[in-house]
C-alpha cells in the first residue's frame, strides 16, 4: 500500500508521520488526533441486502438469534445495525409471530391451501434461494 493511499482510521486525516515499527510493520501517528496505526483497518463488509433483510425480520418480531440462524449473520451484528439505524421494537403483545422456511414447491403447496391464508396475517419474503413465510397469530 502506498503512503498516499493511507489515512487515519479514526479521523480519516491524511496528515500523519512515521512512528517506528510494530511486529515488523511500519507504524504511523496521526497529526490531527494523535492516533497510532499501522495499516488501514478493513472490516468484513456485509452485503446491504442482508442488513435490510435482517432489519425487516427484526421489525417483523423475529428474535436476534433466529435472524442469525436464518441469514447466517451474527446476532451481535444485527443488534449493532438496530442501534446504528435507531430501529424501534414494535409492541407485539397481541400477536405472536412464527415463521417457516420453504423452497419454491413447498411455498406453492402452502399458498394453494386457502386455510393457511385465512387463519392469520402473513408475509412472504425471499431469503437466499428459499422463501420465508412469517405469520402472526392472535395471542387471545
C-alpha atoms as a PDB file:
ATOM      1  CA  UNK A   1       0.000   0.000   0.000  1.00  0.00           C
ATOM      2  CA  UNK A   2       1.315   3.423  -0.932  1.00  0.00           C
ATOM      3  CA  UNK A   3       1.641   6.114   1.714  1.00  0.00           C
ATOM      4  CA  UNK A   4      -0.543   8.393  -0.429  1.00  0.00           C
ATOM      5  CA  UNK A   5      -3.399   5.836  -0.088  1.00  0.00           C
ATOM      6  CA  UNK A   6      -3.180   5.733   3.726  1.00  0.00           C
ATOM      7  CA  UNK A   7      -5.376   7.748   6.040  1.00  0.00           C
ATOM      8  CA  UNK A   8      -6.033   7.704   9.768  1.00  0.00           C
ATOM      9  CA  UNK A   9      -8.658   5.013  10.545  1.00  0.00           C
ATOM     10  CA  UNK A  10     -10.060   7.162  13.374  1.00  0.00           C
ATOM     11  CA  UNK A  11     -10.431  10.637  11.808  1.00  0.00           C
ATOM     12  CA  UNK A  12      -9.583   9.818   8.156  1.00  0.00           C
ATOM     13  CA  UNK A  13      -6.957  12.564   8.017  1.00  0.00           C
ATOM     14  CA  UNK A  14      -4.090  12.288   5.529  1.00  0.00           C
ATOM     15  CA  UNK A  15      -1.777  14.187   7.859  1.00  0.00           C
ATOM     16  CA  UNK A  16       0.476  11.675   9.689  1.00  0.00           C
ATOM     17  CA  UNK A  17       4.126  10.867  10.416  1.00  0.00           C
ATOM     18  CA  UNK A  18       6.100   7.657  10.652  1.00  0.00           C
ATOM     19  CA  UNK A  19       6.359   6.427  14.222  1.00  0.00           C
ATOM     20  CA  UNK A  20       8.562   3.313  14.316  1.00  0.00           C
ATOM     21  CA  UNK A  21       7.728  -0.357  13.686  1.00  0.00           C
ATOM     22  CA  UNK A  22       5.359  -2.804  15.395  1.00  0.00           C
ATOM     23  CA  UNK A  23       5.754  -6.534  14.643  1.00  0.00           C
ATOM     24  CA  UNK A  24       7.713  -5.660  11.526  1.00  0.00           C
ATOM     25  CA  UNK A  25       5.104  -3.254  10.144  1.00  0.00           C
ATOM     26  CA  UNK A  26       5.542   0.485   9.756  1.00  0.00           C
ATOM     27  CA  UNK A  27       3.646   2.450  12.400  1.00  0.00           C
ATOM     28  CA  UNK A  28       2.177   5.910  11.815  1.00  0.00           C
ATOM     29  CA  UNK A  29       0.923   8.676  14.115  1.00  0.00           C
ATOM     30  CA  UNK A  30      -1.893  10.982  13.061  1.00  0.00           C
ATOM     31  CA  UNK A  31      -1.078  14.688  13.456  1.00  0.00           C
ATOM     32  CA  UNK A  32      -4.774  15.525  13.894  1.00  0.00           C
ATOM     33  CA  UNK A  33      -5.914  13.140  16.636  1.00  0.00           C
ATOM     34  CA  UNK A  34      -2.594  11.576  17.810  1.00  0.00           C
ATOM     35  CA  UNK A  35      -3.926   8.080  16.978  1.00  0.00           C
ATOM     36  CA  UNK A  36      -1.269   5.426  16.275  1.00  0.00           C
ATOM     37  CA  UNK A  37      -1.964   2.981  13.464  1.00  0.00           C
ATOM     38  CA  UNK A  38      -0.030   0.567  11.310  1.00  0.00           C
ATOM     39  CA  UNK A  39      -2.400  -0.459   8.496  1.00  0.00           C
ATOM     40  CA  UNK A  40      -5.788   0.669   7.289  1.00  0.00           C
ATOM     41  CA  UNK A  41      -8.464  -1.367   9.060  1.00  0.00           C
ATOM     42  CA  UNK A  42     -10.802  -3.086   6.668  1.00  0.00           C
ATOM     43  CA  UNK A  43     -13.574  -4.997   8.401  1.00  0.00           C
ATOM     44  CA  UNK A  44     -15.632  -7.641   6.668  1.00  0.00           C
ATOM     45  CA  UNK A  45     -18.372  -5.802   4.851  1.00  0.00           C
ATOM     46  CA  UNK A  46     -21.764  -7.481   4.836  1.00  0.00           C
ATOM     47  CA  UNK A  47     -23.858  -7.101   1.701  1.00  0.00           C
ATOM     48  CA  UNK A  48     -26.540  -4.395   2.137  1.00  0.00           C
ATOM     49  CA  UNK A  49     -29.295  -6.830   1.214  1.00  0.00           C
ATOM     50  CA  UNK A  50     -28.501  -8.862   4.352  1.00  0.00           C
ATOM     51  CA  UNK A  51     -28.629  -5.728   6.511  1.00  0.00           C
ATOM     52  CA  UNK A  52     -32.005  -4.775   5.042  1.00  0.00           C
ATOM     53  CA  UNK A  53     -33.365  -8.314   5.363  1.00  0.00           C
ATOM     54  CA  UNK A  54     -32.148  -8.566   8.981  1.00  0.00           C
ATOM     55  CA  UNK A  55     -33.829  -5.279   9.884  1.00  0.00           C
ATOM     56  CA  UNK A  56     -37.050  -6.357   8.157  1.00  0.00           C
ATOM     57  CA  UNK A  57     -37.072  -9.612  10.118  1.00  0.00           C
ATOM     58  CA  UNK A  58     -36.376  -7.702  13.327  1.00  0.00           C
ATOM     59  CA  UNK A  59     -39.349  -5.432  12.668  1.00  0.00           C
ATOM     60  CA  UNK A  60     -41.499  -8.493  11.991  1.00  0.00           C
ATOM     61  CA  UNK A  61     -40.769  -9.713  15.518  1.00  0.00           C
ATOM     62  CA  UNK A  62     -38.133 -12.361  14.787  1.00  0.00           C
ATOM     63  CA  UNK A  63     -35.511 -12.622  17.551  1.00  0.00           C
ATOM     64  CA  UNK A  64     -31.817 -11.782  17.071  1.00  0.00           C
ATOM     65  CA  UNK A  65     -30.775 -15.444  17.402  1.00  0.00           C
ATOM     66  CA  UNK A  66     -33.404 -16.567  14.911  1.00  0.00           C
ATOM     67  CA  UNK A  67     -32.204 -13.934  12.429  1.00  0.00           C
ATOM     68  CA  UNK A  68     -28.684 -15.293  12.935  1.00  0.00           C
ATOM     69  CA  UNK A  69     -29.857 -18.833  12.133  1.00  0.00           C
ATOM     70  CA  UNK A  70     -31.858 -17.728   9.090  1.00  0.00           C
ATOM     71  CA  UNK A  71     -29.372 -15.361   7.435  1.00  0.00           C
ATOM     72  CA  UNK A  72     -26.069 -16.663   8.796  1.00  0.00           C
ATOM     73  CA  UNK A  73     -25.166 -13.209  10.129  1.00  0.00           C
ATOM     74  CA  UNK A  74     -24.041 -12.739  13.730  1.00  0.00           C
ATOM     75  CA  UNK A  75     -26.789 -11.709  16.140  1.00  0.00           C
ATOM     76  CA  UNK A  76     -24.379  -9.092  17.524  1.00  0.00           C
ATOM     77  CA  UNK A  77     -24.137  -7.552  14.051  1.00  0.00           C
ATOM     78  CA  UNK A  78     -27.935  -7.425  13.879  1.00  0.00           C
ATOM     79  CA  UNK A  79     -28.047  -5.701  17.293  1.00  0.00           C
ATOM     80  CA  UNK A  80     -25.449  -3.181  16.116  1.00  0.00           C
ATOM     81  CA  UNK A  81     -27.466  -2.431  12.956  1.00  0.00           C
ATOM     82  CA  UNK A  82     -30.616  -1.915  15.032  1.00  0.00           C
ATOM     83  CA  UNK A  83     -28.735   0.582  17.215  1.00  0.00           C
ATOM     84  CA  UNK A  84     -26.985   2.237  14.258  1.00  0.00           C
ATOM     85  CA  UNK A  85     -30.203   2.859  12.334  1.00  0.00           C
ATOM     86  CA  UNK A  86     -32.226   3.557  15.505  1.00  0.00           C
ATOM     87  CA  UNK A  87     -34.919   0.977  14.702  1.00  0.00           C
ATOM     88  CA  UNK A  88     -37.640   0.840  17.381  1.00  0.00           C
ATOM     89  CA  UNK A  89     -39.009  -2.514  18.519  1.00  0.00           C
ATOM     90  CA  UNK A  90     -42.691  -2.813  17.718  1.00  0.00           C
ATOM     91  CA  UNK A  91     -45.001  -3.905  20.506  1.00  0.00           C
ATOM     92  CA  UNK A  92     -46.127  -7.459  19.761  1.00  0.00           C
ATOM     93  CA  UNK A  93     -48.148  -8.193  22.874  1.00  0.00           C
ATOM     94  CA  UNK A  94     -51.339  -9.032  20.961  1.00  0.00           C
ATOM     95  CA  UNK A  95     -49.738 -11.171  18.237  1.00  0.00           C
ATOM     96  CA  UNK A  96     -47.154 -13.949  18.179  1.00  0.00           C
ATOM     97  CA  UNK A  97     -45.028 -14.196  15.029  1.00  0.00           C
ATOM     98  CA  UNK A  98     -43.970 -17.561  13.634  1.00  0.00           C
ATOM     99  CA  UNK A  99     -42.040 -18.356  10.509  1.00  0.00           C
ATOM    100  CA  UNK A 100     -41.340 -21.207   8.109  1.00  0.00           C
ATOM    101  CA  UNK A 101     -38.560 -21.556   5.533  1.00  0.00           C
ATOM    102  CA  UNK A 102     -39.715 -23.250   2.313  1.00  0.00           C
ATOM    103  CA  UNK A 103     -38.420 -23.998  -1.144  1.00  0.00           C
ATOM    104  CA  UNK A 104     -40.444 -22.972  -4.211  1.00  0.00           C
ATOM    105  CA  UNK A 105     -42.611 -26.088  -4.491  1.00  0.00           C
ATOM    106  CA  UNK A 106     -43.401 -26.097  -0.747  1.00  0.00           C
ATOM    107  CA  UNK A 107     -44.419 -22.438  -0.979  1.00  0.00           C
ATOM    108  CA  UNK A 108     -46.782 -23.153  -3.876  1.00  0.00           C
ATOM    109  CA  UNK A 109     -48.388 -26.002  -1.930  1.00  0.00           C
ATOM    110  CA  UNK A 110     -48.741 -23.714   1.106  1.00  0.00           C
ATOM    111  CA  UNK A 111     -50.410 -20.948  -0.897  1.00  0.00           C
ATOM    112  CA  UNK A 112     -52.786 -23.293  -2.745  1.00  0.00           C
ATOM    113  CA  UNK A 113     -54.227 -24.402   0.610  1.00  0.00           C
ATOM    114  CA  UNK A 114     -56.583 -21.481   1.372  1.00  0.00           C
ATOM    115  CA  UNK A 115     -56.844 -22.428   5.068  1.00  0.00           C
ATOM    116  CA  UNK A 116     -53.200 -21.402   5.593  1.00  0.00           C
ATOM    117  CA  UNK A 117     -54.002 -17.870   4.480  1.00  0.00           C
ATOM    118  CA  UNK A 118     -57.333 -17.465   6.318  1.00  0.00           C
ATOM    119  CA  UNK A 119     -56.179 -18.151   9.874  1.00  0.00           C
ATOM    120  CA  UNK A 120     -53.522 -15.436  10.215  1.00  0.00           C
ATOM    121  CA  UNK A 121     -51.825 -12.441   8.649  1.00  0.00           C
ATOM    122  CA  UNK A 122     -48.813 -13.478   6.579  1.00  0.00           C
ATOM    123  CA  UNK A 123     -45.867 -12.023   4.700  1.00  0.00           C
ATOM    124  CA  UNK A 124     -43.740 -13.915   2.181  1.00  0.00           C
ATOM    125  CA  UNK A 125     -40.137 -12.833   1.658  1.00  0.00           C
ATOM    126  CA  UNK A 126     -37.182 -14.325  -0.167  1.00  0.00           C
ATOM    127  CA  UNK A 127     -34.130 -15.406   1.854  1.00  0.00           C
ATOM    128  CA  UNK A 128     -31.342 -16.631  -0.412  1.00  0.00           C
ATOM    129  CA  UNK A 129     -32.729 -19.456  -2.543  1.00  0.00           C
ATOM    130  CA  UNK A 130     -35.623 -20.154  -0.136  1.00  0.00           C
ATOM    131  CA  UNK A 131     -38.780 -18.327   0.882  1.00  0.00           C
ATOM    132  CA  UNK A 132     -39.865 -17.358   4.364  1.00  0.00           C
ATOM    133  CA  UNK A 133     -43.493 -17.136   5.398  1.00  0.00           C
ATOM    134  CA  UNK A 134     -43.972 -15.022   8.513  1.00  0.00           C
ATOM    135  CA  UNK A 135     -47.376 -15.391  10.144  1.00  0.00           C
ATOM    136  CA  UNK A 136     -48.981 -13.620  13.081  1.00  0.00           C
ATOM    137  CA  UNK A 137     -51.456 -15.476  15.260  1.00  0.00           C
ATOM    138  CA  UNK A 138     -53.579 -13.642  17.792  1.00  0.00           C
ATOM    139  CA  UNK A 139     -52.478 -14.474  21.365  1.00  0.00           C
ATOM    140  CA  UNK A 140     -56.029 -14.119  22.646  1.00  0.00           C
END
